[in-house]
Amino acid sequence: REEERRCAEVRRCVERLVKQLEREAEQGELYCICRKPYNPTWFYISCDTCGDWFHGKCVGINAKQGSRIVEYVCDACSRTTGRTTRWVSGAAGDPAAAAAPSPH
């Protein structure tokens, strides 16, 4: 009896997982830290380390800022590699440029 109950519970879990995977497959691949499907109207940026794609809105980078990035490193890769996003020298959004004193 106990074994039958456990088997039935496992079957229910597997069925729920299969249904979830089928829903995700219907929606297409999920992106970003928010795990949403592709939306052609949103700005995306790809991590140059892992290759994952992120919505600019979710990582705090707009399209204009994105055009001034030399190399984008997502937060997860930054934590594991110690590398950080590299900006065009003096670009808006570059933390180094924000910290530099303005010329008089």
Protein backbone atom coordinates (compact mmCIF):
# COMPACT_ATOMS: atom_id res chain seq x y z
CA ARG A 1 0.00 0.00 0.00
CA GLU A 2 2.74 2.49 0.92
CA GLU A 3 4.63 1.69 -2.27
CA GLU A 4 1.47 2.18 -4.36
CA ARG A 5 0.85 5.54 -2.69
CA ARG A 6 4.43 6.67 -3.39
CA CYS A 7 4.20 5.51 -7.01
CA ALA A 8 0.96 7.43 -7.49
CA GLU A 9 2.54 10.54 -5.96
CA VAL A 10 5.56 10.26 -8.26
CA ARG A 11 3.24 9.81 -11.29
CA ARG A 12 1.35 13.00 -10.35
CA CYS A 13 4.62 14.93 -9.97
CA VAL A 14 5.87 13.69 -13.34
CA GLU A 15 2.56 14.60 -15.01
CA ARG A 16 2.71 18.14 -13.56
CA LEU A 17 6.31 18.53 -14.75
CA VAL A 18 5.45 17.28 -18.24
CA LYS A 19 2.52 19.74 -18.47
CA GLN A 20 4.77 22.61 -17.34
CA LEU A 21 7.42 21.68 -19.92
CA GLU A 22 4.76 21.45 -22.65
CA ARG A 23 3.46 24.94 -21.75
CA GLU A 24 7.01 26.34 -21.87
CA ALA A 25 7.64 24.65 -25.23
CA GLU A 26 4.46 26.20 -26.63
CA GLN A 27 5.60 29.64 -25.47
CA GLY A 28 9.06 29.16 -26.93
CA GLU A 29 12.41 29.56 -25.24
CA LEU A 30 12.48 31.60 -22.04
CA TYR A 31 15.03 34.35 -21.58
CA CYS A 32 16.48 36.63 -18.96
CA ILE A 33 16.34 36.52 -15.18
CA CYS A 34 12.57 37.04 -15.46
CA ARG A 35 12.20 33.81 -17.55
CA LYS A 36 9.84 35.33 -20.15
CA PRO A 37 9.54 34.34 -23.82
CA TYR A 38 11.02 36.45 -26.62
CA ASN A 39 9.26 39.75 -27.34
CA PRO A 40 10.43 41.49 -30.54
CA THR A 41 9.54 44.94 -29.19
CA TRP A 42 11.93 44.75 -26.22
CA PHE A 43 15.64 45.58 -26.14
CA TYR A 44 17.86 42.57 -25.38
CA ILE A 45 21.53 42.28 -24.50
CA SER A 46 23.64 39.13 -24.62
CA CYS A 47 26.27 38.27 -22.02
CA ASP A 48 29.62 37.97 -23.80
CA THR A 49 30.70 35.34 -21.28
CA CYS A 50 27.80 32.84 -21.10
CA GLY A 51 25.79 33.87 -24.17
CA ASP A 52 22.48 34.19 -22.30
CA TRP A 53 20.10 36.96 -23.40
CA PHE A 54 18.61 39.54 -21.01
CA HIS A 55 15.92 42.19 -21.29
CA GLY A 56 17.65 45.56 -20.95
CA LYS A 57 14.88 46.63 -18.58
CA CYS A 58 15.65 43.71 -16.25
CA VAL A 59 19.39 44.47 -16.09
CA GLY A 60 19.08 48.27 -16.04
CA ILE A 61 20.48 48.95 -19.52
CA ASN A 62 18.57 50.74 -22.27
CA ALA A 63 19.30 50.48 -26.01
CA LYS A 64 21.30 53.73 -26.08
CA GLN A 65 23.50 52.54 -23.21
CA GLY A 66 23.79 49.13 -24.86
CA SER A 67 25.30 50.70 -27.94
CA ARG A 68 28.10 52.08 -25.74
CA ILE A 69 29.06 48.71 -24.23
CA VAL A 70 32.21 47.02 -25.46
CA GLU A 71 31.61 43.79 -23.52
CA TYR A 72 28.52 42.94 -21.44
CA VAL A 73 29.00 40.56 -18.49
CA CYS A 74 25.83 39.46 -16.67
CA ASP A 75 25.66 39.47 -12.87
CA ALA A 76 26.02 35.68 -12.60
CA CYS A 77 29.15 35.62 -14.76
CA SER A 78 30.54 38.67 -12.98
CA ARG A 79 30.19 36.85 -9.65
CA THR A 80 31.87 33.68 -10.91
CA THR A 81 34.61 35.24 -13.07
CA GLY A 82 35.23 38.60 -11.42
CA ARG A 83 34.87 40.25 -14.85
CA THR A 84 32.63 43.28 -15.31
CA THR A 85 30.92 45.03 -18.19
CA ARG A 86 33.32 47.14 -20.25
CA TRP A 87 32.03 50.43 -21.66
CA VAL A 88 33.29 52.70 -24.41
CA SER A 89 35.64 55.07 -22.57
CA GLY A 90 33.64 57.87 -20.94
CA ALA A 91 30.29 56.43 -22.04
CA ALA A 92 27.09 57.26 -20.16
CA GLY A 93 26.36 54.33 -17.87
CA ASP A 94 30.06 53.58 -17.34
CA PRO A 95 30.54 53.57 -13.55
CA ALA A 96 34.10 54.88 -14.04
CA ALA A 97 32.80 57.82 -16.06
CA ALA A 98 30.19 58.61 -13.40
CA ALA A 99 32.87 58.66 -10.70
CA ALA A 100 35.32 60.80 -12.67
CA PRO A 101 35.37 64.52 -11.90
CA SER A 102 33.94 66.67 -14.67
CA PRO A 103 36.41 68.90 -16.56
CA HIS A 104 36.10 72.68 -15.97
